[in-house]
Structure formats: structure tokens, C-alpha cells
Amino acid sequence: MIFPNTISHRISRPRLTRFLRSSVVFAFVLLAGAVLLSDVQAQYFGFGKNRVQYQQFDWRFIQSDHFDVYYYGSENYYLAEFTAK
């Protein structure tokens, strides 16, 4: 019969505890590194709707006595003319 207070039990338990503690720390560091690297990758390689998309506009303007009304597109001409009056 082996008693828990024997010398062999006292020696093996700290080694096991140290191994488990170092394994948990290593797994945590590995998981944290993976999470941080995925965030960095998402910042530099944009995809989808969050990317800024520029369009070329053909800006025109109507001059009035006190200010200029800028507009683009032929469908906005009548609104700009009404605003300039």
C-alpha cells in the first residue's frame, strides 16, 4: 500500500504541476498570438463594403448674385436653378 505522504509522491507532484502550468501558459500565449494576428490581417486587407470607393463627379455650378450653387448630373440642374433664384 502506497501512502500519499511518501517521498516519491512529494517529488513527482511539483514536476507535474510545473508541467501543467507551463502547458497552460504556452497554450494561452499561442491562442492570444493567433487572435492578435488575425486582427492585424483584417486591418490591412480590406474586403467588401467597408472599403472607401470613390466616384468621379462632373461638377457644374450656377452663379447667382450672392453665391454659387454647385451640382452634378443633369437631373440636379432644375434643383440647382431653383436654389440659385
N, C-alpha and C. Protein backbone atom coordinates (compact mmCIF):
# COMPACT_ATOMS: atom_id res chain seq x y z
N MET A 1 0.83 -1.17 0.00
CA MET A 1 0.00 0.00 0.00
C MET A 1 0.89 1.24 0.00
N ILE A 2 0.59 2.20 -0.91
CA ILE A 2 1.39 3.42 -1.02
C ILE A 2 0.64 4.54 -0.33
N PHE A 3 1.34 5.21 0.56
CA PHE A 3 0.74 6.32 1.28
C PHE A 3 0.99 7.63 0.54
N PRO A 4 0.06 8.57 0.57
CA PRO A 4 0.24 9.82 -0.16
C PRO A 4 1.37 10.70 0.36
N ASN A 5 1.84 10.45 1.54
CA ASN A 5 2.89 11.29 2.11
C ASN A 5 4.28 10.71 1.89
N THR A 6 4.43 9.78 1.00
CA THR A 6 5.75 9.21 0.75
C THR A 6 6.61 10.18 -0.01
N ILE A 7 7.88 9.94 -0.03
CA ILE A 7 8.84 10.84 -0.69
C ILE A 7 8.62 10.86 -2.20
N SER A 8 8.33 9.71 -2.81
CA SER A 8 8.16 9.68 -4.26
C SER A 8 6.96 10.52 -4.70
N HIS A 9 5.92 10.55 -3.91
CA HIS A 9 4.74 11.35 -4.25
C HIS A 9 5.05 12.85 -4.13
N ARG A 10 5.82 13.23 -3.15
CA ARG A 10 6.17 14.63 -2.98
C ARG A 10 7.07 15.13 -4.10
N ILE A 11 7.88 14.32 -4.65
CA ILE A 11 8.79 14.73 -5.72
C ILE A 11 8.05 14.83 -7.05
N SER A 12 7.18 13.90 -7.36
CA SER A 12 6.54 13.88 -8.68
C SER A 12 5.44 14.94 -8.81
N ARG A 13 4.80 15.31 -7.74
CA ARG A 13 3.70 16.27 -7.84
C ARG A 13 4.16 17.66 -8.28
N PRO A 14 5.22 18.26 -7.74
CA PRO A 14 5.65 19.57 -8.24
C PRO A 14 6.07 19.54 -9.71
N ARG A 15 6.65 18.45 -10.15
CA ARG A 15 7.02 18.35 -11.57
C ARG A 15 5.77 18.35 -12.45
N LEU A 16 4.76 17.61 -12.02
CA LEU A 16 3.51 17.57 -12.78
C LEU A 16 2.83 18.94 -12.77
N THR A 17 2.82 19.60 -11.64
CA THR A 17 2.20 20.92 -11.53
C THR A 17 2.95 21.93 -12.40
N ARG A 18 4.26 21.89 -12.39
CA ARG A 18 5.05 22.79 -13.20
C ARG A 18 4.80 22.54 -14.69
N PHE A 19 4.68 21.25 -15.06
CA PHE A 19 4.41 20.92 -16.46
C PHE A 19 3.03 21.42 -16.88
N LEU A 20 2.03 21.22 -16.05
CA LEU A 20 0.68 21.69 -16.38
C LEU A 20 0.63 23.21 -16.46
N ARG A 21 1.28 23.88 -15.53
CA ARG A 21 1.28 25.33 -15.53
C ARG A 21 1.97 25.87 -16.78
N SER A 22 3.10 25.29 -17.15
CA SER A 22 3.80 25.76 -18.35
C SER A 22 3.00 25.44 -19.60
N SER A 23 2.29 24.32 -19.61
CA SER A 23 1.45 23.98 -20.76
C SER A 23 0.30 24.95 -20.93
N VAL A 24 -0.32 25.33 -19.82
CA VAL A 24 -1.43 26.28 -19.87
C VAL A 24 -0.94 27.65 -20.33
N VAL A 25 0.21 28.09 -19.83
CA VAL A 25 0.77 29.37 -20.24
C VAL A 25 1.11 29.35 -21.73
N PHE A 26 1.72 28.27 -22.19
CA PHE A 26 2.07 28.16 -23.61
C PHE A 26 0.81 28.18 -24.49
N ALA A 27 -0.23 27.47 -24.08
CA ALA A 27 -1.47 27.46 -24.86
C ALA A 27 -2.12 28.83 -24.88
N PHE A 28 -2.08 29.55 -23.76
CA PHE A 28 -2.65 30.89 -23.70
C PHE A 28 -1.90 31.85 -24.61
N VAL A 29 -0.56 31.79 -24.57
CA VAL A 29 0.24 32.66 -25.42
C VAL A 29 0.00 32.34 -26.90
N LEU A 30 -0.10 31.08 -27.23
CA LEU A 30 -0.36 30.68 -28.61
C LEU A 30 -1.73 31.16 -29.07
N LEU A 31 -2.74 31.03 -28.24
CA LEU A 31 -4.09 31.49 -28.60
C LEU A 31 -4.15 33.01 -28.71
N ALA A 32 -3.52 33.72 -27.79
CA ALA A 32 -3.51 35.19 -27.85
C ALA A 32 -2.78 35.67 -29.10
N GLY A 33 -1.69 35.03 -29.46
CA GLY A 33 -0.97 35.40 -30.68
C GLY A 33 -1.80 35.18 -31.92
N ALA A 34 -2.54 34.08 -31.96
CA ALA A 34 -3.40 33.81 -33.12
C ALA A 34 -4.50 34.84 -33.24
N VAL A 35 -5.08 35.25 -32.13
CA VAL A 35 -6.14 36.25 -32.15
C VAL A 35 -5.60 37.59 -32.60
N LEU A 36 -4.45 37.98 -32.08
CA LEU A 36 -3.87 39.28 -32.45
C LEU A 36 -3.45 39.31 -33.91
N LEU A 37 -2.91 38.22 -34.42
CA LEU A 37 -2.50 38.20 -35.82
C LEU A 37 -3.70 38.25 -36.76
N SER A 38 -4.82 37.66 -36.37
CA SER A 38 -6.00 37.73 -37.23
C SER A 38 -6.54 39.15 -37.29
N ASP A 39 -6.47 39.91 -36.19
CA ASP A 39 -6.91 41.30 -36.20
C ASP A 39 -6.01 42.16 -37.07
N VAL A 40 -4.72 41.94 -37.02
CA VAL A 40 -3.78 42.71 -37.84
C VAL A 40 -4.03 42.44 -39.31
N GLN A 41 -4.27 41.22 -39.66
CA GLN A 41 -4.52 40.88 -41.05
C GLN A 41 -5.79 41.54 -41.56
N ALA A 42 -6.80 41.64 -40.73
CA ALA A 42 -8.07 42.25 -41.14
C ALA A 42 -7.92 43.75 -41.36
N GLN A 43 -6.98 44.39 -40.70
CA GLN A 43 -6.80 45.83 -40.87
C GLN A 43 -6.19 46.19 -42.20
N TYR A 44 -5.30 45.38 -42.71
CA TYR A 44 -4.53 45.75 -43.89
C TYR A 44 -5.07 45.19 -45.19
N PHE A 45 -5.95 44.24 -45.12
CA PHE A 45 -6.50 43.67 -46.33
C PHE A 45 -8.02 43.85 -46.32
N GLY A 46 -8.44 45.05 -46.77
CA GLY A 46 -9.87 45.36 -46.74
C GLY A 46 -10.64 44.54 -47.74
N PHE A 47 -11.87 44.26 -47.41
CA PHE A 47 -12.72 43.48 -48.29
C PHE A 47 -14.16 43.92 -48.09
N GLY A 48 -14.86 44.11 -49.18
CA GLY A 48 -16.29 44.33 -49.07
C GLY A 48 -16.71 45.77 -48.97
N LYS A 49 -17.78 46.01 -48.26
CA LYS A 49 -18.43 47.31 -48.22
C LYS A 49 -17.70 48.34 -47.38
N ASN A 50 -16.83 47.93 -46.49
CA ASN A 50 -16.16 48.88 -45.62
C ASN A 50 -15.05 49.64 -46.34
N ARG A 51 -14.71 49.24 -47.52
CA ARG A 51 -13.66 49.91 -48.27
C ARG A 51 -14.21 51.20 -48.87
N VAL A 52 -13.44 52.27 -48.84
CA VAL A 52 -13.86 53.55 -49.42
C VAL A 52 -13.81 53.43 -50.93
N GLN A 53 -14.90 53.76 -51.58
CA GLN A 53 -14.98 53.67 -53.03
C GLN A 53 -15.29 55.06 -53.58
N TYR A 54 -14.39 55.56 -54.40
CA TYR A 54 -14.53 56.90 -54.94
C TYR A 54 -15.19 56.86 -56.32
N GLN A 55 -15.97 57.88 -56.61
CA GLN A 55 -16.58 58.04 -57.92
C GLN A 55 -16.15 59.37 -58.50
N GLN A 56 -16.08 59.45 -59.80
CA GLN A 56 -15.75 60.71 -60.47
C GLN A 56 -17.07 61.45 -60.74
N PHE A 57 -17.15 62.69 -60.29
CA PHE A 57 -18.34 63.50 -60.50
C PHE A 57 -18.00 64.63 -61.46
N ASP A 58 -18.94 64.94 -62.33
CA ASP A 58 -18.80 66.05 -63.26
C ASP A 58 -19.50 67.26 -62.62
N TRP A 59 -18.74 68.01 -61.81
CA TRP A 59 -19.32 69.13 -61.07
C TRP A 59 -19.54 70.33 -61.99
N ARG A 60 -20.69 70.95 -61.84
CA ARG A 60 -21.03 72.18 -62.56
C ARG A 60 -21.56 73.17 -61.53
N PHE A 61 -21.68 74.42 -61.91
CA PHE A 61 -22.21 75.40 -60.97
C PHE A 61 -23.03 76.46 -61.69
N ILE A 62 -23.95 77.06 -60.94
CA ILE A 62 -24.78 78.17 -61.42
C ILE A 62 -24.44 79.35 -60.51
N GLN A 63 -24.12 80.50 -61.12
CA GLN A 63 -23.80 81.69 -60.34
C GLN A 63 -25.06 82.52 -60.12
N SER A 64 -25.22 82.94 -58.89
CA SER A 64 -26.30 83.88 -58.59
C SER A 64 -25.65 85.17 -58.09
N ASP A 65 -26.45 86.13 -57.65
CA ASP A 65 -25.90 87.40 -57.19
C ASP A 65 -25.03 87.26 -55.94
N HIS A 66 -25.39 86.34 -55.07
CA HIS A 66 -24.72 86.27 -53.77
C HIS A 66 -23.91 85.00 -53.54
N PHE A 67 -24.16 83.95 -54.30
CA PHE A 67 -23.43 82.70 -54.07
C PHE A 67 -23.47 81.84 -55.32
N ASP A 68 -22.66 80.79 -55.30
CA ASP A 68 -22.62 79.81 -56.38
C ASP A 68 -23.25 78.50 -55.89
N VAL A 69 -24.03 77.88 -56.77
CA VAL A 69 -24.66 76.60 -56.44
C VAL A 69 -23.98 75.54 -57.28
N TYR A 70 -23.33 74.60 -56.62
CA TYR A 70 -22.65 73.50 -57.31
C TYR A 70 -23.58 72.30 -57.37
N TYR A 71 -23.55 71.59 -58.49
CA TYR A 71 -24.37 70.40 -58.66
C TYR A 71 -23.65 69.47 -59.63
N TYR A 72 -24.10 68.25 -59.68
CA TYR A 72 -23.59 67.30 -60.66
C TYR A 72 -24.76 66.50 -61.22
N GLY A 73 -24.61 66.08 -62.44
CA GLY A 73 -25.65 65.32 -63.11
C GLY A 73 -26.74 66.22 -63.66
N SER A 74 -27.29 65.82 -64.79
CA SER A 74 -28.31 66.64 -65.45
C SER A 74 -29.64 66.64 -64.68
N GLU A 75 -29.91 65.61 -63.90
CA GLU A 75 -31.18 65.58 -63.17
C GLU A 75 -31.19 66.56 -62.00
N ASN A 76 -30.05 67.05 -61.58
CA ASN A 76 -29.99 68.02 -60.48
C ASN A 76 -29.97 69.47 -60.95
N TYR A 77 -30.02 69.71 -62.25
CA TYR A 77 -29.94 71.06 -62.77
C TYR A 77 -31.12 71.92 -62.31
N TYR A 78 -32.30 71.36 -62.37
CA TYR A 78 -33.50 72.15 -62.02
C TYR A 78 -33.52 72.49 -60.53
N LEU A 79 -33.06 71.60 -59.70
CA LEU A 79 -32.98 71.89 -58.26
C LEU A 79 -31.93 72.96 -57.99
N ALA A 80 -30.80 72.90 -58.69
CA ALA A 80 -29.77 73.94 -58.52
C ALA A 80 -30.26 75.29 -59.02
N GLU A 81 -30.98 75.30 -60.13
CA GLU A 81 -31.52 76.55 -60.67
C GLU A 81 -32.55 77.16 -59.71
N PHE A 82 -33.40 76.31 -59.13
CA PHE A 82 -34.39 76.78 -58.17
C PHE A 82 -33.69 77.35 -56.91
N THR A 83 -32.63 76.73 -56.48
CA THR A 83 -31.91 77.18 -55.29
C THR A 83 -31.20 78.49 -55.56
N ALA A 84 -30.72 78.71 -56.77
CA ALA A 84 -29.96 79.92 -57.09
C ALA A 84 -30.87 81.14 -57.21
N LYS A 85 -32.17 80.99 -57.38
CA LYS A 85 -33.08 82.14 -57.55
C LYS A 85 -33.34 82.84 -56.25
